């Protein structure tokens, strides 16, 4: 099974989030998040992502087209999964994993641990080092229905991996999965990058992560 190669983008200076976005657009390929694992939740938004790194930051961008958008959560480490949300789960030590969750206005939920019932929330001072820009802005709203297209650019510094001693992402081997959900939208959905073989929707399944390699 092929691994995802996360390209290193080299820059000679510290770049802004907007500049990182432009570099990501020019130098990386799109990846689809399009797997429906649970037939009782058939709705599949159109969803793609790009990912790269510059040794000390992960650059991640999502592109979403969906019928309903919802953004109620505004507090770091709140229940963002109930909203229109994109997620990135990654394990560095093959024992524990980080769940990075972002609702469509950029509210963050970040935790670490070995399973669903064993999560340690990352301090908000650390989580909020993540830079995010959503095309939907950053203000909460009740559900809107129609046809919505939105993008989110995310920059994750290595400092967020507080339970691992990482100084550089270069040549790092890990496992990961990428997700989209909207538990309390009018059409609840659970879409994944790689398959999950559980009876019910559950993203906290590191045994179904796939290998990623940071170039």
C-alpha atoms as a PDB file:
ATOM      1  CA  UNK A   1       0.000   0.000   0.000  1.00  0.00           C
ATOM      2  CA  UNK A   2       1.529   3.294  -1.087  1.00  0.00           C
ATOM      3  CA  UNK A   3       2.410   5.888   1.508  1.00  0.00           C
ATOM      4  CA  UNK A   4       1.619   9.571   1.310  1.00  0.00           C
ATOM      5  CA  UNK A   5       4.797  11.561   0.685  1.00  0.00           C
ATOM      6  CA  UNK A   6       4.518  14.957   2.363  1.00  0.00           C
ATOM      7  CA  UNK A   7       6.700  17.282   0.358  1.00  0.00           C
ATOM      8  CA  UNK A   8       9.137  19.655   2.015  1.00  0.00           C
ATOM      9  CA  UNK A   9       8.788  23.203   0.719  1.00  0.00           C
ATOM     10  CA  UNK A  10      12.028  25.103   1.165  1.00  0.00           C
ATOM     11  CA  UNK A  11      11.992  28.825   1.809  1.00  0.00           C
ATOM     12  CA  UNK A  12      14.820  31.208   2.616  1.00  0.00           C
ATOM     13  CA  UNK A  13      12.730  33.250   5.042  1.00  0.00           C
ATOM     14  CA  UNK A  14       9.778  33.055   7.372  1.00  0.00           C
ATOM     15  CA  UNK A  15       6.659  33.235   5.211  1.00  0.00           C
ATOM     16  CA  UNK A  16       3.206  34.553   6.015  1.00  0.00           C
ATOM     17  CA  UNK A  17       0.199  32.276   6.053  1.00  0.00           C
ATOM     18  CA  UNK A  18      -0.869  33.743   2.711  1.00  0.00           C
ATOM     19  CA  UNK A  19       2.555  33.057   1.214  1.00  0.00           C
ATOM     20  CA  UNK A  20       2.510  29.508   2.575  1.00  0.00           C
ATOM     21  CA  UNK A  21      -0.912  29.060   0.961  1.00  0.00           C
ATOM     22  CA  UNK A  22       0.452  30.191  -2.414  1.00  0.00           C
ATOM     23  CA  UNK A  23       3.478  27.878  -2.169  1.00  0.00           C
ATOM     24  CA  UNK A  24       1.220  24.965  -1.258  1.00  0.00           C
ATOM     25  CA  UNK A  25      -0.996  25.678  -4.270  1.00  0.00           C
ATOM     26  CA  UNK A  26       1.975  25.791  -6.652  1.00  0.00           C
ATOM     27  CA  UNK A  27       4.015  22.856  -5.388  1.00  0.00           C
ATOM     28  CA  UNK A  28       1.644  20.122  -4.185  1.00  0.00           C
ATOM     29  CA  UNK A  29      -1.044  17.817  -5.543  1.00  0.00           C
ATOM     30  CA  UNK A  30      -4.651  17.503  -4.451  1.00  0.00           C
ATOM     31  CA  UNK A  31      -5.741  14.453  -2.463  1.00  0.00           C
ATOM     32  CA  UNK A  32      -9.366  13.336  -2.235  1.00  0.00           C
ATOM     33  CA  UNK A  33     -11.278  12.573   0.949  1.00  0.00           C
ATOM     34  CA  UNK A  34     -14.127  10.574  -0.540  1.00  0.00           C
ATOM     35  CA  UNK A  35     -14.646   7.258   1.239  1.00  0.00           C
ATOM     36  CA  UNK A  36     -18.042   6.418   2.724  1.00  0.00           C
ATOM     37  CA  UNK A  37     -17.529   3.662   5.297  1.00  0.00           C
ATOM     38  CA  UNK A  38     -21.009   3.578   6.823  1.00  0.00           C
ATOM     39  CA  UNK A  39     -23.986   3.108   4.464  1.00  0.00           C
ATOM     40  CA  UNK A  40     -26.489   4.686   6.857  1.00  0.00           C
ATOM     41  CA  UNK A  41     -24.651   7.993   6.304  1.00  0.00           C
ATOM     42  CA  UNK A  42     -24.458   8.221   2.497  1.00  0.00           C
ATOM     43  CA  UNK A  43     -24.001  11.973   2.073  1.00  0.00           C
ATOM     44  CA  UNK A  44     -20.577  12.775   0.636  1.00  0.00           C
ATOM     45  CA  UNK A  45     -19.452  16.399   0.369  1.00  0.00           C
ATOM     46  CA  UNK A  46     -16.830  17.091  -2.266  1.00  0.00           C
ATOM     47  CA  UNK A  47     -13.585  17.323  -0.325  1.00  0.00           C
ATOM     48  CA  UNK A  48      -9.895  17.563  -1.176  1.00  0.00           C
ATOM     49  CA  UNK A  49      -6.700  18.587   0.606  1.00  0.00           C
ATOM     50  CA  UNK A  50      -3.100  19.591   0.030  1.00  0.00           C
ATOM     51  CA  UNK A  51      -0.321  19.034   2.552  1.00  0.00           C
ATOM     52  CA  UNK A  52       3.367  19.933   2.830  1.00  0.00           C
ATOM     53  CA  UNK A  53       5.911  20.979   5.457  1.00  0.00           C
ATOM     54  CA  UNK A  54       8.897  23.286   5.855  1.00  0.00           C
ATOM     55  CA  UNK A  55      10.695  21.221   8.532  1.00  0.00           C
ATOM     56  CA  UNK A  56       9.099  22.984  11.508  1.00  0.00           C
ATOM     57  CA  UNK A  57       5.505  23.457  10.324  1.00  0.00           C
ATOM     58  CA  UNK A  58       2.840  21.372   8.630  1.00  0.00           C
ATOM     59  CA  UNK A  59       0.932  23.265   5.940  1.00  0.00           C
ATOM     60  CA  UNK A  60      -2.521  21.830   5.322  1.00  0.00           C
ATOM     61  CA  UNK A  61      -5.310  23.141   3.120  1.00  0.00           C
ATOM     62  CA  UNK A  62      -8.845  21.799   2.729  1.00  0.00           C
ATOM     63  CA  UNK A  63     -11.284  22.473  -0.114  1.00  0.00           C
ATOM     64  CA  UNK A  64     -14.926  21.717   0.680  1.00  0.00           C
ATOM     65  CA  UNK A  65     -18.197  21.804  -1.248  1.00  0.00           C
ATOM     66  CA  UNK A  66     -21.256  20.849   0.818  1.00  0.00           C
ATOM     67  CA  UNK A  67     -24.979  21.446   1.201  1.00  0.00           C
ATOM     68  CA  UNK A  68     -25.083  22.598   4.805  1.00  0.00           C
ATOM     69  CA  UNK A  69     -22.642  24.604   6.890  1.00  0.00           C
ATOM     70  CA  UNK A  70     -22.784  25.014  10.658  1.00  0.00           C
ATOM     71  CA  UNK A  71     -20.387  26.775  13.033  1.00  0.00           C
ATOM     72  CA  UNK A  72     -21.463  27.056  16.657  1.00  0.00           C
ATOM     73  CA  UNK A  73     -18.297  26.099  18.542  1.00  0.00           C
ATOM     74  CA  UNK A  74     -16.061  29.054  19.372  1.00  0.00           C
ATOM     75  CA  UNK A  75     -14.024  27.806  22.341  1.00  0.00           C
ATOM     76  CA  UNK A  76     -10.723  25.994  21.824  1.00  0.00           C
ATOM     77  CA  UNK A  77     -11.118  22.265  22.590  1.00  0.00           C
ATOM     78  CA  UNK A  78     -14.920  22.493  22.426  1.00  0.00           C
ATOM     79  CA  UNK A  79     -17.200  20.107  20.501  1.00  0.00           C
ATOM     80  CA  UNK A  80     -16.214  21.228  17.037  1.00  0.00           C
ATOM     81  CA  UNK A  81     -17.140  17.831  15.506  1.00  0.00           C
ATOM     82  CA  UNK A  82     -20.809  18.770  15.743  1.00  0.00           C
ATOM     83  CA  UNK A  83     -20.235  21.564  13.223  1.00  0.00           C
ATOM     84  CA  UNK A  84     -19.019  21.458   9.614  1.00  0.00           C
ATOM     85  CA  UNK A  85     -15.576  20.143  10.442  1.00  0.00           C
ATOM     86  CA  UNK A  86     -12.360  18.889   8.853  1.00  0.00           C
ATOM     87  CA  UNK A  87      -9.933  16.739  10.798  1.00  0.00           C
ATOM     88  CA  UNK A  88      -6.373  15.405  10.694  1.00  0.00           C
ATOM     89  CA  UNK A  89      -5.317  12.552  12.985  1.00  0.00           C
ATOM     90  CA  UNK A  90      -1.629  11.598  13.162  1.00  0.00           C
ATOM     91  CA  UNK A  91       0.467   9.141  15.154  1.00  0.00           C
ATOM     92  CA  UNK A  92       4.195   9.653  15.474  1.00  0.00           C
ATOM     93  CA  UNK A  93       5.098   6.841  17.888  1.00  0.00           C
ATOM     94  CA  UNK A  94       2.577   4.226  16.622  1.00  0.00           C
ATOM     95  CA  UNK A  95       1.083   4.090  20.114  1.00  0.00           C
ATOM     96  CA  UNK A  96      -0.616   7.435  20.620  1.00  0.00           C
ATOM     97  CA  UNK A  97      -2.053   9.948  18.199  1.00  0.00           C
ATOM     98  CA  UNK A  98      -3.034  13.602  17.958  1.00  0.00           C
ATOM     99  CA  UNK A  99      -6.498  14.597  16.752  1.00  0.00           C
ATOM    100  CA  UNK A 100      -6.488  17.992  15.061  1.00  0.00           C
ATOM    101  CA  UNK A 101     -10.095  19.080  14.494  1.00  0.00           C
ATOM    102  CA  UNK A 102     -11.171  22.371  12.900  1.00  0.00           C
ATOM    103  CA  UNK A 103     -14.707  23.586  12.366  1.00  0.00           C
ATOM    104  CA  UNK A 104     -15.363  25.686   9.284  1.00  0.00           C
ATOM    105  CA  UNK A 105     -14.614  28.975  11.078  1.00  0.00           C
ATOM    106  CA  UNK A 106     -11.314  27.677  12.437  1.00  0.00           C
ATOM    107  CA  UNK A 107     -12.174  26.730  16.024  1.00  0.00           C
ATOM    108  CA  UNK A 108      -9.624  24.145  17.147  1.00  0.00           C
ATOM    109  CA  UNK A 109      -9.912  20.929  19.127  1.00  0.00           C
ATOM    110  CA  UNK A 110      -6.559  19.256  19.818  1.00  0.00           C
ATOM    111  CA  UNK A 111      -5.864  16.249  21.999  1.00  0.00           C
ATOM    112  CA  UNK A 112      -3.439  13.336  22.352  1.00  0.00           C
ATOM    113  CA  UNK A 113      -3.652   9.779  23.620  1.00  0.00           C
ATOM    114  CA  UNK A 114      -3.953   6.096  22.801  1.00  0.00           C
ATOM    115  CA  UNK A 115      -7.679   5.887  22.058  1.00  0.00           C
ATOM    116  CA  UNK A 116     -11.057   7.569  22.139  1.00  0.00           C
ATOM    117  CA  UNK A 117     -11.407   7.242  25.908  1.00  0.00           C
ATOM    118  CA  UNK A 118      -7.837   8.224  26.648  1.00  0.00           C
ATOM    119  CA  UNK A 119      -7.516  11.782  25.358  1.00  0.00           C
ATOM    120  CA  UNK A 120      -5.363  14.482  26.910  1.00  0.00           C
ATOM    121  CA  UNK A 121      -6.421  17.928  25.774  1.00  0.00           C
ATOM    122  CA  UNK A 122      -3.536  20.069  24.573  1.00  0.00           C
ATOM    123  CA  UNK A 123      -3.368  23.366  26.452  1.00  0.00           C
ATOM    124  CA  UNK A 124      -5.137  26.123  24.546  1.00  0.00           C
ATOM    125  CA  UNK A 125      -1.986  28.280  24.669  1.00  0.00           C
ATOM    126  CA  UNK A 126      -0.287  25.601  22.551  1.00  0.00           C
ATOM    127  CA  UNK A 127      -3.270  24.760  20.318  1.00  0.00           C
ATOM    128  CA  UNK A 128      -3.760  28.408  19.454  1.00  0.00           C
ATOM    129  CA  UNK A 129      -0.261  28.590  17.977  1.00  0.00           C
ATOM    130  CA  UNK A 130      -1.907  26.993  14.947  1.00  0.00           C
ATOM    131  CA  UNK A 131      -2.622  29.619  12.293  1.00  0.00           C
ATOM    132  CA  UNK A 132      -5.904  29.225  10.403  1.00  0.00           C
ATOM    133  CA  UNK A 133      -7.693  31.171   7.715  1.00  0.00           C
ATOM    134  CA  UNK A 134     -11.148  30.103   6.530  1.00  0.00           C
ATOM    135  CA  UNK A 135     -12.941  31.623   3.560  1.00  0.00           C
ATOM    136  CA  UNK A 136     -16.051  31.564   5.793  1.00  0.00           C
ATOM    137  CA  UNK A 137     -14.441  33.924   8.308  1.00  0.00           C
ATOM    138  CA  UNK A 138     -14.211  33.289  12.049  1.00  0.00           C
ATOM    139  CA  UNK A 139     -17.632  34.252  13.415  1.00  0.00           C
ATOM    140  CA  UNK A 140     -20.150  31.593  14.532  1.00  0.00           C
ATOM    141  CA  UNK A 141     -23.447  31.004  12.737  1.00  0.00           C
ATOM    142  CA  UNK A 142     -26.476  28.710  12.768  1.00  0.00           C
ATOM    143  CA  UNK A 143     -26.879  26.200   9.975  1.00  0.00           C
ATOM    144  CA  UNK A 144     -27.163  27.526   6.448  1.00  0.00           C
ATOM    145  CA  UNK A 145     -28.477  25.314   3.648  1.00  0.00           C
ATOM    146  CA  UNK A 146     -27.760  25.607  -0.045  1.00  0.00           C
ATOM    147  CA  UNK A 147     -24.558  24.924  -1.969  1.00  0.00           C
ATOM    148  CA  UNK A 148     -21.443  26.165  -0.218  1.00  0.00           C
ATOM    149  CA  UNK A 149     -17.817  26.170  -1.311  1.00  0.00           C
ATOM    150  CA  UNK A 150     -15.202  26.976   1.300  1.00  0.00           C
ATOM    151  CA  UNK A 151     -11.472  26.647   1.870  1.00  0.00           C
ATOM    152  CA  UNK A 152      -9.316  26.505   4.955  1.00  0.00           C
ATOM    153  CA  UNK A 153      -5.561  27.055   5.194  1.00  0.00           C
ATOM    154  CA  UNK A 154      -3.864  25.698   8.321  1.00  0.00           C
ATOM    155  CA  UNK A 155      -0.300  26.037   9.615  1.00  0.00           C
ATOM    156  CA  UNK A 156       0.650  23.645  12.447  1.00  0.00           C
ATOM    157  CA  UNK A 157       3.984  24.285  14.225  1.00  0.00           C
ATOM    158  CA  UNK A 158       5.964  21.360  15.629  1.00  0.00           C
ATOM    159  CA  UNK A 159       5.421  22.837  19.116  1.00  0.00           C
ATOM    160  CA  UNK A 160       1.921  21.368  18.996  1.00  0.00           C
ATOM    161  CA  UNK A 161       3.371  17.857  19.221  1.00  0.00           C
ATOM    162  CA  UNK A 162       3.997  18.337  22.917  1.00  0.00           C
ATOM    163  CA  UNK A 163       4.178  14.638  23.765  1.00  0.00           C
ATOM    164  CA  UNK A 164       6.906  13.918  21.202  1.00  0.00           C
ATOM    165  CA  UNK A 165      10.397  15.328  21.032  1.00  0.00           C
ATOM    166  CA  UNK A 166      10.290  16.736  17.503  1.00  0.00           C
ATOM    167  CA  UNK A 167      12.657  19.446  16.350  1.00  0.00           C
ATOM    168  CA  UNK A 168      12.296  18.792  12.616  1.00  0.00           C
ATOM    169  CA  UNK A 169       9.683  17.096  10.445  1.00  0.00           C
ATOM    170  CA  UNK A 170      12.304  16.220   7.816  1.00  0.00           C
ATOM    171  CA  UNK A 171      12.357  12.435   7.202  1.00  0.00           C
ATOM    172  CA  UNK A 172       9.732  11.821   9.888  1.00  0.00           C
ATOM    173  CA  UNK A 173       7.711   8.628   9.486  1.00  0.00           C
ATOM    174  CA  UNK A 174       4.173   8.606  10.858  1.00  0.00           C
ATOM    175  CA  UNK A 175       0.667   7.277  10.232  1.00  0.00           C
ATOM    176  CA  UNK A 176      -2.405   9.400   9.642  1.00  0.00           C
ATOM    177  CA  UNK A 177      -5.922   9.789   8.314  1.00  0.00           C
ATOM    178  CA  UNK A 178      -7.922  12.795   7.130  1.00  0.00           C
ATOM    179  CA  UNK A 179     -11.627  13.317   7.705  1.00  0.00           C
ATOM    180  CA  UNK A 180     -14.749  15.421   7.230  1.00  0.00           C
ATOM    181  CA  UNK A 181     -17.775  15.309   9.500  1.00  0.00           C
ATOM    182  CA  UNK A 182     -20.840  17.265  10.523  1.00  0.00           C
ATOM    183  CA  UNK A 183     -22.584  15.405  13.318  1.00  0.00           C
ATOM    184  CA  UNK A 184     -25.308  17.986  13.946  1.00  0.00           C
ATOM    185  CA  UNK A 185     -25.853  19.235  10.407  1.00  0.00           C
ATOM    186  CA  UNK A 186     -29.068  18.394   8.564  1.00  0.00           C
ATOM    187  CA  UNK A 187     -27.223  15.607   6.747  1.00  0.00           C
ATOM    188  CA  UNK A 188     -24.776  14.070   9.227  1.00  0.00           C
ATOM    189  CA  UNK A 189     -21.784  12.700   7.340  1.00  0.00           C
ATOM    190  CA  UNK A 190     -18.547  10.869   8.006  1.00  0.00           C
ATOM    191  CA  UNK A 191     -16.119  10.863   5.077  1.00  0.00           C
ATOM    192  CA  UNK A 192     -12.523   9.614   5.228  1.00  0.00           C
ATOM    193  CA  UNK A 193      -9.299   9.656   3.219  1.00  0.00           C
ATOM    194  CA  UNK A 194      -8.555   5.983   3.917  1.00  0.00           C
ATOM    195  CA  UNK A 195     -11.082   3.277   4.868  1.00  0.00           C
ATOM    196  CA  UNK A 196     -12.138   2.532   8.438  1.00  0.00           C
ATOM    197  CA  UNK A 197     -13.473  -0.957   9.106  1.00  0.00           C
ATOM    198  CA  UNK A 198     -15.762  -0.405  12.068  1.00  0.00           C
ATOM    199  CA  UNK A 199     -19.495  -1.027  12.363  1.00  0.00           C
ATOM    200  CA  UNK A 200     -20.293   2.535  13.438  1.00  0.00           C
ATOM    201  CA  UNK A 201     -18.663   5.881  12.630  1.00  0.00           C
ATOM    202  CA  UNK A 202     -15.483   6.236  14.665  1.00  0.00           C
ATOM    203  CA  UNK A 203     -12.442   8.245  13.624  1.00  0.00           C
ATOM    204  CA  UNK A 204     -10.489   7.256  16.734  1.00  0.00           C
ATOM    205  CA  UNK A 205      -9.169   4.118  15.055  1.00  0.00           C
ATOM    206  CA  UNK A 206      -5.384   4.377  14.658  1.00  0.00           C
ATOM    207  CA  UNK A 207      -5.188   0.801  13.356  1.00  0.00           C
ATOM    208  CA  UNK A 208      -6.751   2.173  10.160  1.00  0.00           C
ATOM    209  CA  UNK A 209      -4.281   5.048   9.768  1.00  0.00           C
ATOM    210  CA  UNK A 210      -1.987   4.898   6.739  1.00  0.00           C
ATOM    211  CA  UNK A 211       1.734   5.578   6.465  1.00  0.00           C
ATOM    212  CA  UNK A 212       2.894   9.116   5.731  1.00  0.00           C
ATOM    213  CA  UNK A 213       6.467  10.240   5.175  1.00  0.00           C
ATOM    214  CA  UNK A 214       7.752  13.788   5.532  1.00  0.00           C
ATOM    215  CA  UNK A 215      10.213  14.394   2.698  1.00  0.00           C
END
